[in-house]
Amino acid sequence: FVVGAVVYIDMYMKWHCTEETVSAQHEMLVVERRKCLFGRRKEIPLSAIKKVETYDDGSGQRSATLRVVYSNTSYRFGLCLSDADRQALGRKIMELAGRYV
């Protein structure tokens, strides 16, 4: 019960309180997530990025995110961006990745 409650609280905070910062540092795409129970810092080599796409699980809720595909895996972020902001960020990431390919 406790584990389920903690996961639920983290999911709620992720969609309502979390702050995400996306930056390029030392040829890496860095995504940091703060103000949630399980904060995270993810570093992805810009040279490994194959594509950036909008990911929507089809639930109709606020679930659309960006998905960066790299090195046979992917990572989702951009939790509460508008469609226009999501597209602009995806284009910028691909521009940065293009510099290191």
PDB file of N, CA and C in Angstrom:
ATOM      1  N   PHE A   1       0.825  -1.201   0.000  1.00  0.00           N
ATOM      2  CA  PHE A   1       0.000   0.000   0.000  1.00  0.00           C
ATOM      3  C   PHE A   1       0.864   1.257   0.000  1.00  0.00           C
ATOM      4  N   VAL A   2       1.874   1.276   0.864  1.00  0.00           N
ATOM      5  CA  VAL A   2       2.737   2.451   0.994  1.00  0.00           C
ATOM      6  C   VAL A   2       3.492   2.714  -0.306  1.00  0.00           C
ATOM      7  N   VAL A   3       4.014   1.663  -0.917  1.00  0.00           N
ATOM      8  CA  VAL A   3       4.757   1.830  -2.168  1.00  0.00           C
ATOM      9  C   VAL A   3       3.839   2.389  -3.253  1.00  0.00           C
ATOM     10  N   GLY A   4       2.630   1.872  -3.341  1.00  0.00           N
ATOM     11  CA  GLY A   4       1.669   2.374  -4.320  1.00  0.00           C
ATOM     12  C   GLY A   4       1.336   3.832  -4.088  1.00  0.00           C
ATOM     13  N   ALA A   5       1.185   4.215  -2.831  1.00  0.00           N
ATOM     14  CA  ALA A   5       0.892   5.615  -2.503  1.00  0.00           C
ATOM     15  C   ALA A   5       2.048   6.528  -2.888  1.00  0.00           C
ATOM     16  N   VAL A   6       3.264   6.087  -2.626  1.00  0.00           N
ATOM     17  CA  VAL A   6       4.443   6.893  -2.967  1.00  0.00           C
ATOM     18  C   VAL A   6       4.541   7.068  -4.482  1.00  0.00           C
ATOM     19  N   VAL A   7       4.323   6.000  -5.224  1.00  0.00           N
ATOM     20  CA  VAL A   7       4.365   6.077  -6.688  1.00  0.00           C
ATOM     21  C   VAL A   7       3.276   7.015  -7.197  1.00  0.00           C
ATOM     22  N   TYR A   8       2.082   6.928  -6.638  1.00  0.00           N
ATOM     23  CA  TYR A   8       0.986   7.805  -7.054  1.00  0.00           C
ATOM     24  C   TYR A   8       1.323   9.273  -6.760  1.00  0.00           C
ATOM     25  N   ILE A   9       1.860   9.540  -5.585  1.00  0.00           N
ATOM     26  CA  ILE A   9       2.232  10.919  -5.227  1.00  0.00           C
ATOM     27  C   ILE A   9       3.310  11.438  -6.176  1.00  0.00           C
ATOM     28  N   ASP A  10       4.288  10.591  -6.501  1.00  0.00           N
ATOM     29  CA  ASP A  10       5.337  11.004  -7.429  1.00  0.00           C
ATOM     30  C   ASP A  10       4.754  11.302  -8.813  1.00  0.00           C
ATOM     31  N   MET A  11       3.840  10.463  -9.284  1.00  0.00           N
ATOM     32  CA  MET A  11       3.214  10.713 -10.589  1.00  0.00           C
ATOM     33  C   MET A  11       2.434  12.021 -10.570  1.00  0.00           C
ATOM     34  N   TYR A  12       1.701  12.279  -9.513  1.00  0.00           N
ATOM     35  CA  TYR A  12       0.952  13.527  -9.401  1.00  0.00           C
ATOM     36  C   TYR A  12       1.905  14.720  -9.413  1.00  0.00           C
ATOM     37  N   MET A  13       2.956  14.640  -8.610  1.00  0.00           N
ATOM     38  CA  MET A  13       3.916  15.745  -8.553  1.00  0.00           C
ATOM     39  C   MET A  13       4.619  15.932  -9.900  1.00  0.00           C
ATOM     40  N   LYS A  14       4.878  14.838 -10.600  1.00  0.00           N
ATOM     41  CA  LYS A  14       5.547  14.913 -11.887  1.00  0.00           C
ATOM     42  C   LYS A  14       4.738  15.770 -12.865  1.00  0.00           C
ATOM     43  N   TRP A  15       3.416  15.644 -12.842  1.00  0.00           N
ATOM     44  CA  TRP A  15       2.566  16.366 -13.792  1.00  0.00           C
ATOM     45  C   TRP A  15       2.129  17.733 -13.288  1.00  0.00           C
ATOM     46  N   HIS A  16       2.273  18.015 -11.980  1.00  0.00           N
ATOM     47  CA  HIS A  16       1.765  19.276 -11.448  1.00  0.00           C
ATOM     48  C   HIS A  16       2.823  20.171 -10.809  1.00  0.00           C
ATOM     49  N   CYS A  17       3.935  19.629 -10.386  1.00  0.00           N
ATOM     50  CA  CYS A  17       4.920  20.419  -9.633  1.00  0.00           C
ATOM     51  C   CYS A  17       6.325  20.389 -10.228  1.00  0.00           C
ATOM     52  N   THR A  18       6.623  19.386 -11.000  1.00  0.00           N
ATOM     53  CA  THR A  18       7.986  19.156 -11.455  1.00  0.00           C
ATOM     54  C   THR A  18       8.496  20.287 -12.337  1.00  0.00           C
ATOM     55  N   GLU A  19       9.766  20.575 -12.164  1.00  0.00           N
ATOM     56  CA  GLU A  19      10.469  21.499 -13.053  1.00  0.00           C
ATOM     57  C   GLU A  19      11.494  20.686 -13.814  1.00  0.00           C
ATOM     58  N   GLU A  20      11.473  20.814 -15.134  1.00  0.00           N
ATOM     59  CA  GLU A  20      12.460  20.153 -15.965  1.00  0.00           C
ATOM     60  C   GLU A  20      13.351  21.209 -16.600  1.00  0.00           C
ATOM     61  N   THR A  21      14.630  20.930 -16.615  1.00  0.00           N
ATOM     62  CA  THR A  21      15.600  21.791 -17.265  1.00  0.00           C
ATOM     63  C   THR A  21      16.298  20.967 -18.331  1.00  0.00           C
ATOM     64  N   VAL A  22      16.343  21.493 -19.546  1.00  0.00           N
ATOM     65  CA  VAL A  22      17.011  20.819 -20.651  1.00  0.00           C
ATOM     66  C   VAL A  22      18.140  21.726 -21.102  1.00  0.00           C
ATOM     67  N   SER A  23      19.355  21.166 -21.176  1.00  0.00           N
ATOM     68  CA  SER A  23      20.504  21.969 -21.601  1.00  0.00           C
ATOM     69  C   SER A  23      21.499  21.092 -22.350  1.00  0.00           C
ATOM     70  N   ALA A  24      22.423  21.747 -23.023  1.00  0.00           N
ATOM     71  CA  ALA A  24      23.531  21.054 -23.678  1.00  0.00           C
ATOM     72  C   ALA A  24      24.795  21.422 -22.922  1.00  0.00           C
ATOM     73  N   GLN A  25      25.491  20.400 -22.434  1.00  0.00           N
ATOM     74  CA  GLN A  25      26.714  20.606 -21.659  1.00  0.00           C
ATOM     75  C   GLN A  25      27.754  19.587 -22.097  1.00  0.00           C
ATOM     76  N   HIS A  26      28.892  20.076 -22.542  1.00  0.00           N
ATOM     77  CA  HIS A  26      30.017  19.201 -22.877  1.00  0.00           C
ATOM     78  C   HIS A  26      29.608  18.079 -23.826  1.00  0.00           C
ATOM     79  N   GLU A  27      28.953  18.431 -24.928  1.00  0.00           N
ATOM     80  CA  GLU A  27      28.504  17.494 -25.963  1.00  0.00           C
ATOM     81  C   GLU A  27      27.488  16.467 -25.455  1.00  0.00           C
ATOM     82  N   MET A  28      26.757  16.838 -24.413  1.00  0.00           N
ATOM     83  CA  MET A  28      25.714  15.978 -23.848  1.00  0.00           C
ATOM     84  C   MET A  28      24.407  16.765 -23.760  1.00  0.00           C
ATOM     85  N   LEU A  29      23.290  16.101 -24.008  1.00  0.00           N
ATOM     86  CA  LEU A  29      21.977  16.656 -23.716  1.00  0.00           C
ATOM     87  C   LEU A  29      21.692  16.285 -22.268  1.00  0.00           C
ATOM     88  N   VAL A  30      21.433  17.271 -21.430  1.00  0.00           N
ATOM     89  CA  VAL A  30      21.214  17.032 -20.005  1.00  0.00           C
ATOM     90  C   VAL A  30      19.774  17.413 -19.669  1.00  0.00           C
ATOM     91  N   VAL A  31      19.023  16.465 -19.117  1.00  0.00           N
ATOM     92  CA  VAL A  31      17.642  16.695 -18.696  1.00  0.00           C
ATOM     93  C   VAL A  31      17.605  16.474 -17.190  1.00  0.00           C
ATOM     94  N   GLU A  32      17.241  17.522 -16.456  1.00  0.00           N
ATOM     95  CA  GLU A  32      17.147  17.424 -15.003  1.00  0.00           C
ATOM     96  C   GLU A  32      15.699  17.639 -14.582  1.00  0.00           C
ATOM     97  N   ARG A  33      15.236  16.784 -13.683  1.00  0.00           N
ATOM     98  CA  ARG A  33      13.871  16.865 -13.170  1.00  0.00           C
ATOM     99  C   ARG A  33      13.949  17.101 -11.664  1.00  0.00           C
ATOM    100  N   ARG A  34      13.330  18.205 -11.208  1.00  0.00           N
ATOM    101  CA  ARG A  34      13.328  18.556  -9.784  1.00  0.00           C
ATOM    102  C   ARG A  34      11.892  18.767  -9.304  1.00  0.00           C
ATOM    103  N   LYS A  35      11.743  18.887  -8.013  1.00  0.00           N
ATOM    104  CA  LYS A  35      10.460  19.113  -7.333  1.00  0.00           C
ATOM    105  C   LYS A  35       9.495  17.949  -7.531  1.00  0.00           C
ATOM    106  N   CYS A  36      10.027  16.760  -7.438  1.00  0.00           N
ATOM    107  CA  CYS A  36       9.205  15.558  -7.380  1.00  0.00           C
ATOM    108  C   CYS A  36       9.928  14.593  -6.434  1.00  0.00           C
ATOM    109  N   LEU A  37       9.278  13.546  -6.042  1.00  0.00           N
ATOM    110  CA  LEU A  37       9.888  12.631  -5.072  1.00  0.00           C
ATOM    111  C   LEU A  37      11.138  11.959  -5.620  1.00  0.00           C
ATOM    112  N   PHE A  38      11.090  11.592  -6.892  1.00  0.00           N
ATOM    113  CA  PHE A  38      12.214  10.897  -7.503  1.00  0.00           C
ATOM    114  C   PHE A  38      12.840  11.781  -8.566  1.00  0.00           C
ATOM    115  N   GLY A  39      13.619  12.769  -8.135  1.00  0.00           N
ATOM    116  CA  GLY A  39      14.306  13.653  -9.073  1.00  0.00           C
ATOM    117  C   GLY A  39      15.260  12.844  -9.935  1.00  0.00           C
ATOM    118  N   ARG A  40      15.630  13.424 -11.064  1.00  0.00           N
ATOM    119  CA  ARG A  40      16.463  12.664 -11.980  1.00  0.00           C
ATOM    120  C   ARG A  40      17.327  13.592 -12.811  1.00  0.00           C
ATOM    121  N   ARG A  41      18.488  13.115 -13.160  1.00  0.00           N
ATOM    122  CA  ARG A  41      19.375  13.798 -14.098  1.00  0.00           C
ATOM    123  C   ARG A  41      19.774  12.771 -15.148  1.00  0.00           C
ATOM    124  N   LYS A  42      19.462  13.065 -16.386  1.00  0.00           N
ATOM    125  CA  LYS A  42      19.767  12.149 -17.489  1.00  0.00           C
ATOM    126  C   LYS A  42      20.712  12.854 -18.446  1.00  0.00           C
ATOM    127  N   GLU A  43      21.800  12.196 -18.809  1.00  0.00           N
ATOM    128  CA  GLU A  43      22.755  12.729 -19.771  1.00  0.00           C
ATOM    129  C   GLU A  43      22.779  11.816 -20.985  1.00  0.00           C
ATOM    130  N   ILE A  44      22.583  12.420 -22.167  1.00  0.00           N
ATOM    131  CA  ILE A  44      22.553  11.676 -23.418  1.00  0.00           C
ATOM    132  C   ILE A  44      23.583  12.301 -24.351  1.00  0.00           C
ATOM    133  N   PRO A  45      24.509  11.512 -24.881  1.00  0.00           N
ATOM    134  CA  PRO A  45      25.480  12.075 -25.824  1.00  0.00           C
ATOM    135  C   PRO A  45      24.761  12.625 -27.068  1.00  0.00           C
ATOM    136  N   LEU A  46      25.033  13.866 -27.409  1.00  0.00           N
ATOM    137  CA  LEU A  46      24.392  14.466 -28.584  1.00  0.00           C
ATOM    138  C   LEU A  46      24.714  13.672 -29.848  1.00  0.00           C
ATOM    139  N   SER A  47      25.896  13.116 -29.919  1.00  0.00           N
ATOM    140  CA  SER A  47      26.290  12.361 -31.113  1.00  0.00           C
ATOM    141  C   SER A  47      25.505  11.055 -31.264  1.00  0.00           C
ATOM    142  N   ALA A  48      24.889  10.561 -30.200  1.00  0.00           N
ATOM    143  CA  ALA A  48      24.141   9.308 -30.249  1.00  0.00           C
ATOM    144  C   ALA A  48      22.666   9.503 -30.594  1.00  0.00           C
ATOM    145  N   ILE A  49      22.182  10.746 -30.591  1.00  0.00           N
ATOM    146  CA  ILE A  49      20.757  11.009 -30.828  1.00  0.00           C
ATOM    147  C   ILE A  49      20.417  10.753 -32.289  1.00  0.00           C
ATOM    148  N   LYS A  50      19.436   9.870 -32.497  1.00  0.00           N
ATOM    149  CA  LYS A  50      18.987   9.528 -33.849  1.00  0.00           C
ATOM    150  C   LYS A  50      17.793  10.362 -34.272  1.00  0.00           C
ATOM    151  N   LYS A  51      16.852  10.575 -33.347  1.00  0.00           N
ATOM    152  CA  LYS A  51      15.681  11.393 -33.671  1.00  0.00           C
ATOM    153  C   LYS A  51      15.008  11.847 -32.393  1.00  0.00           C
ATOM    154  N   VAL A  52      14.193  12.896 -32.547  1.00  0.00           N
ATOM    155  CA  VAL A  52      13.372  13.416 -31.458  1.00  0.00           C
ATOM    156  C   VAL A  52      11.954  13.468 -31.998  1.00  0.00           C
ATOM    157  N   GLU A  53      11.021  12.892 -31.272  1.00  0.00           N
ATOM    158  CA  GLU A  53       9.642  12.841 -31.747  1.00  0.00           C
ATOM    159  C   GLU A  53       8.673  13.075 -30.603  1.00  0.00           C
ATOM    160  N   THR A  54       7.469  13.475 -30.953  1.00  0.00           N
ATOM    161  CA  THR A  54       6.410  13.609 -29.965  1.00  0.00           C
ATOM    162  C   THR A  54       5.879  12.218 -29.662  1.00  0.00           C
ATOM    163  N   TYR A  55       5.740  11.932 -28.388  1.00  0.00           N
ATOM    164  CA  TYR A  55       5.211  10.637 -27.967  1.00  0.00           C
ATOM    165  C   TYR A  55       3.906  10.881 -27.230  1.00  0.00           C
ATOM    166  N   ASP A  56       2.862  10.207 -27.648  1.00  0.00           N
ATOM    167  CA  ASP A  56       1.560  10.307 -26.999  1.00  0.00           C
ATOM    168  C   ASP A  56       1.042   8.895 -26.800  1.00  0.00           C
ATOM    169  N   ASP A  57       0.723   8.557 -25.555  1.00  0.00           N
ATOM    170  CA  ASP A  57       0.268   7.193 -25.283  1.00  0.00           C
ATOM    171  C   ASP A  57      -1.181   6.960 -25.702  1.00  0.00           C
ATOM    172  N   GLY A  58      -1.844   7.987 -26.215  1.00  0.00           N
ATOM    173  CA  GLY A  58      -3.195   7.825 -26.727  1.00  0.00           C
ATOM    174  C   GLY A  58      -4.282   7.871 -25.687  1.00  0.00           C
ATOM    175  N   SER A  59      -3.954   8.172 -24.444  1.00  0.00           N
ATOM    176  CA  SER A  59      -4.959   8.174 -23.385  1.00  0.00           C
ATOM    177  C   SER A  59      -5.837   9.421 -23.434  1.00  0.00           C
ATOM    178  N   GLY A  60      -5.412  10.439 -24.175  1.00  0.00           N
ATOM    179  CA  GLY A  60      -6.194  11.660 -24.265  1.00  0.00           C
ATOM    180  C   GLY A  60      -5.949  12.612 -23.115  1.00  0.00           C
ATOM    181  N   GLN A  61      -5.166  12.192 -22.137  1.00  0.00           N
ATOM    182  CA  GLN A  61      -4.852  13.064 -21.022  1.00  0.00           C
ATOM    183  C   GLN A  61      -3.551  13.790 -21.329  1.00  0.00           C
ATOM    184  N   ARG A  62      -3.088  14.594 -20.392  1.00  0.00           N
ATOM    185  CA  ARG A  62      -1.863  15.358 -20.608  1.00  0.00           C
ATOM    186  C   ARG A  62      -0.664  14.413 -20.606  1.00  0.00           C
ATOM    187  N   SER A  63      -0.542  13.629 -21.660  1.00  0.00           N
ATOM    188  CA  SER A  63       0.499  12.616 -21.662  1.00  0.00           C
ATOM    189  C   SER A  63       1.511  12.795 -22.784  1.00  0.00           C
ATOM    190  N   ALA A  64       1.327  13.771 -23.658  1.00  0.00           N
ATOM    191  CA  ALA A  64       2.266  13.951 -24.750  1.00  0.00           C
ATOM    192  C   ALA A  64       3.594  14.462 -24.212  1.00  0.00           C
ATOM    193  N   THR A  65       4.664  13.833 -24.656  1.00  0.00           N
ATOM    194  CA  THR A  65       6.007  14.193 -24.232  1.00  0.00           C
ATOM    195  C   THR A  65       6.923  14.161 -25.452  1.00  0.00           C
ATOM    196  N   LEU A  66       8.148  14.572 -25.262  1.00  0.00           N
ATOM    197  CA  LEU A  66       9.174  14.378 -26.282  1.00  0.00           C
ATOM    198  C   LEU A  66       9.864  13.056 -26.007  1.00  0.00           C
ATOM    199  N   ARG A  67      10.220  12.375 -27.066  1.00  0.00           N
ATOM    200  CA  ARG A  67      10.972  11.135 -26.915  1.00  0.00           C
ATOM    201  C   ARG A  67      12.237  11.255 -27.751  1.00  0.00           C
ATOM    202  N   VAL A  68      13.377  11.147 -27.088  1.00  0.00           N
ATOM    203  CA  VAL A  68      14.667  11.176 -27.764  1.00  0.00           C
ATOM    204  C   VAL A  68      15.094   9.730 -27.972  1.00  0.00           C
ATOM    205  N   VAL A  69      15.325   9.360 -29.226  1.00  0.00           N
ATOM    206  CA  VAL A  69      15.766   8.010 -29.553  1.00  0.00           C
ATOM    207  C   VAL A  69      17.270   8.059 -29.769  1.00  0.00           C
ATOM    208  N   TYR A  70      17.994   7.206 -29.041  1.00  0.00           N
ATOM    209  CA  TYR A  70      19.455   7.182 -29.122  1.00  0.00           C
ATOM    210  C   TYR A  70      19.972   5.802 -28.746  1.00  0.00           C
ATOM    211  N   SER A  71      21.018   5.382 -29.374  1.00  0.00           N
ATOM    212  CA  SER A  71      21.736   4.143 -29.015  1.00  0.00           C
ATOM    213  C   SER A  71      20.812   2.986 -28.641  1.00  0.00           C
ATOM    214  N   ASN A  72      19.850   2.673 -29.487  1.00  0.00           N
ATOM    215  CA  ASN A  72      18.927   1.547 -29.289  1.00  0.00           C
ATOM    216  C   ASN A  72      18.059   1.667 -28.047  1.00  0.00           C
ATOM    217  N   THR A  73      17.833   2.869 -27.563  1.00  0.00           N
ATOM    218  CA  THR A  73      16.938   3.091 -26.432  1.00  0.00           C
ATOM    219  C   THR A  73      16.277   4.455 -26.628  1.00  0.00           C
ATOM    220  N   SER A  74      15.443   4.859 -25.685  1.00  0.00           N
ATOM    221  CA  SER A  74      14.809   6.174 -25.776  1.00  0.00           C
ATOM    222  C   SER A  74      14.567   6.721 -24.371  1.00  0.00           C
ATOM    223  N   TYR A  75      14.332   8.028 -24.321  1.00  0.00           N
ATOM    224  CA  TYR A  75      14.063   8.696 -23.051  1.00  0.00           C
ATOM    225  C   TYR A  75      12.976   9.738 -23.292  1.00  0.00           C
ATOM    226  N   ARG A  76      11.967   9.764 -22.417  1.00  0.00           N
ATOM    227  CA  ARG A  76      10.857  10.707 -22.540  1.00  0.00           C
ATOM    228  C   ARG A  76      10.985  11.824 -21.523  1.00  0.00           C
ATOM    229  N   PHE A  77      10.671  13.047 -21.965  1.00  0.00           N
ATOM    230  CA  PHE A  77      10.669  14.213 -21.081  1.00  0.00           C
ATOM    231  C   PHE A  77       9.820  15.289 -21.741  1.00  0.00           C
ATOM    232  N   GLY A  78       9.781  16.471 -21.140  1.00  0.00           N
ATOM    233  CA  GLY A  78       8.950  17.550 -21.688  1.00  0.00           C
ATOM    234  C   GLY A  78       7.503  17.372 -21.280  1.00  0.00           C
ATOM    235  N   LEU A  79       7.297  17.182 -19.994  1.00  0.00           N
ATOM    236  CA  LEU A  79       5.990  16.763 -19.484  1.00  0.00           C
ATOM    237  C   LEU A  79       4.858  17.733 -19.743  1.00  0.00           C
ATOM    238  N   CYS A  80       5.056  18.998 -19.522  1.00  0.00           N
ATOM    239  CA  CYS A  80       3.935  19.940 -19.593  1.00  0.00           C
ATOM    240  C   CYS A  80       4.180  21.036 -20.618  1.00  0.00           C
ATOM    241  N   LEU A  81       4.722  20.665 -21.761  1.00  0.00           N
ATOM    242  CA  LEU A  81       4.965  21.633 -22.822  1.00  0.00           C
ATOM    243  C   LEU A  81       3.768  21.713 -23.749  1.00  0.00           C
ATOM    244  N   SER A  82       3.559  22.886 -24.314  1.00  0.00           N
ATOM    245  CA  SER A  82       2.546  23.017 -25.355  1.00  0.00           C
ATOM    246  C   SER A  82       3.072  22.325 -26.609  1.00  0.00           C
ATOM    247  N   ASP A  83       2.195  22.074 -27.571  1.00  0.00           N
ATOM    248  CA  ASP A  83       2.623  21.430 -28.811  1.00  0.00           C
ATOM    249  C   ASP A  83       3.693  22.260 -29.517  1.00  0.00           C
ATOM    250  N   ALA A  84       3.512  23.564 -29.561  1.00  0.00           N
ATOM    251  CA  ALA A  84       4.479  24.444 -30.233  1.00  0.00           C
ATOM    252  C   ALA A  84       5.833  24.422 -29.525  1.00  0.00           C
ATOM    253  N   ASP A  85       5.822  24.479 -28.197  1.00  0.00           N
ATOM    254  CA  ASP A  85       7.070  24.437 -27.436  1.00  0.00           C
ATOM    255  C   ASP A  85       7.769  23.087 -27.600  1.00  0.00           C
ATOM    256  N   ARG A  86       6.986  22.019 -27.627  1.00  0.00           N
ATOM    257  CA  ARG A  86       7.540  20.678 -27.790  1.00  0.00           C
ATOM    258  C   ARG A  86       8.226  20.548 -29.148  1.00  0.00           C
ATOM    259  N   GLN A  87       7.578  21.069 -30.194  1.00  0.00           N
ATOM    260  CA  GLN A  87       8.164  21.013 -31.538  1.00  0.00           C
ATOM    261  C   GLN A  87       9.423  21.857 -31.628  1.00  0.00           C
ATOM    262  N   ALA A  88       9.402  23.048 -31.035  1.00  0.00           N
ATOM    263  CA  ALA A  88      10.568  23.934 -31.069  1.00  0.00           C
ATOM    264  C   ALA A  88      11.750  23.299 -30.331  1.00  0.00           C
ATOM    265  N   LEU A  89      11.490  22.698 -29.177  1.00  0.00           N
ATOM    266  CA  LEU A  89      12.559  22.054 -28.416  1.00  0.00           C
ATOM    267  C   LEU A  89      13.120  20.857 -29.186  1.00  0.00           C
ATOM    268  N   GLY A  90      12.252  20.089 -29.811  1.00  0.00           N
ATOM    269  CA  GLY A  90      12.703  18.948 -30.610  1.00  0.00           C
ATOM    270  C   GLY A  90      13.598  19.383 -31.760  1.00  0.00           C
ATOM    271  N   ARG A  91      13.216  20.465 -32.443  1.00  0.00           N
ATOM    272  CA  ARG A  91      14.043  20.999 -33.539  1.00  0.00           C
ATOM    273  C   ARG A  91      15.401  21.462 -33.022  1.00  0.00           C
ATOM    274  N   LYS A  92      15.406  22.152 -31.895  1.00  0.00           N
ATOM    275  CA  LYS A  92      16.663  22.663 -31.326  1.00  0.00           C
ATOM    276  C   LYS A  92      17.584  21.509 -30.931  1.00  0.00           C
ATOM    277  N   ILE A  93      17.040  20.470 -30.339  1.00  0.00           N
ATOM    278  CA  ILE A  93      17.859  19.305 -29.964  1.00  0.00           C
ATOM    279  C   ILE A  93      18.468  18.676 -31.195  1.00  0.00           C
ATOM    280  N   MET A  94      17.680  18.521 -32.257  1.00  0.00           N
ATOM    281  CA  MET A  94      18.202  17.932 -33.483  1.00  0.00           C
ATOM    282  C   MET A  94      19.281  18.820 -34.111  1.00  0.00           C
ATOM    283  N   GLU A  95      19.112  20.133 -34.026  1.00  0.00           N
ATOM    284  CA  GLU A  95      20.161  21.051 -34.508  1.00  0.00           C
ATOM    285  C   GLU A  95      21.450  20.828 -33.730  1.00  0.00           C
ATOM    286  N   LEU A  96      21.336  20.751 -32.413  1.00  0.00           N
ATOM    287  CA  LEU A  96      22.526  20.533 -31.581  1.00  0.00           C
ATOM    288  C   LEU A  96      23.152  19.173 -31.879  1.00  0.00           C
ATOM    289  N   ALA A  97      22.334  18.155 -32.044  1.00  0.00           N
ATOM    290  CA  ALA A  97      22.854  16.825 -32.343  1.00  0.00           C
ATOM    291  C   ALA A  97      23.547  16.813 -33.692  1.00  0.00           C
ATOM    292  N   GLY A  98      23.046  17.593 -34.625  1.00  0.00           N
ATOM    293  CA  GLY A  98      23.655  17.657 -35.953  1.00  0.00           C
ATOM    294  C   GLY A  98      25.053  18.227 -35.937  1.00  0.00           C
ATOM    295  N   ARG A  99      25.344  19.071 -34.973  1.00  0.00           N
ATOM    296  CA  ARG A  99      26.667  19.664 -34.856  1.00  0.00           C
ATOM    297  C   ARG A  99      27.723  18.641 -34.459  1.00  0.00           C
ATOM    298  N   TYR A 100      27.296  17.567 -33.793  1.00  0.00           N
ATOM    299  CA  TYR A 100      28.258  16.608 -33.251  1.00  0.00           C
ATOM    300  C   TYR A 100      28.300  15.312 -34.038  1.00  0.00           C
ATOM    301  N   VAL A 101      27.511  15.206 -35.075  1.00  0.00           N
ATOM    302  CA  VAL A 101      27.474  13.948 -35.859  1.00  0.00           C
ATOM    303  C   VAL A 101      28.643  13.912 -36.824  1.00  0.00           C
TER     304      VAL A 101
END
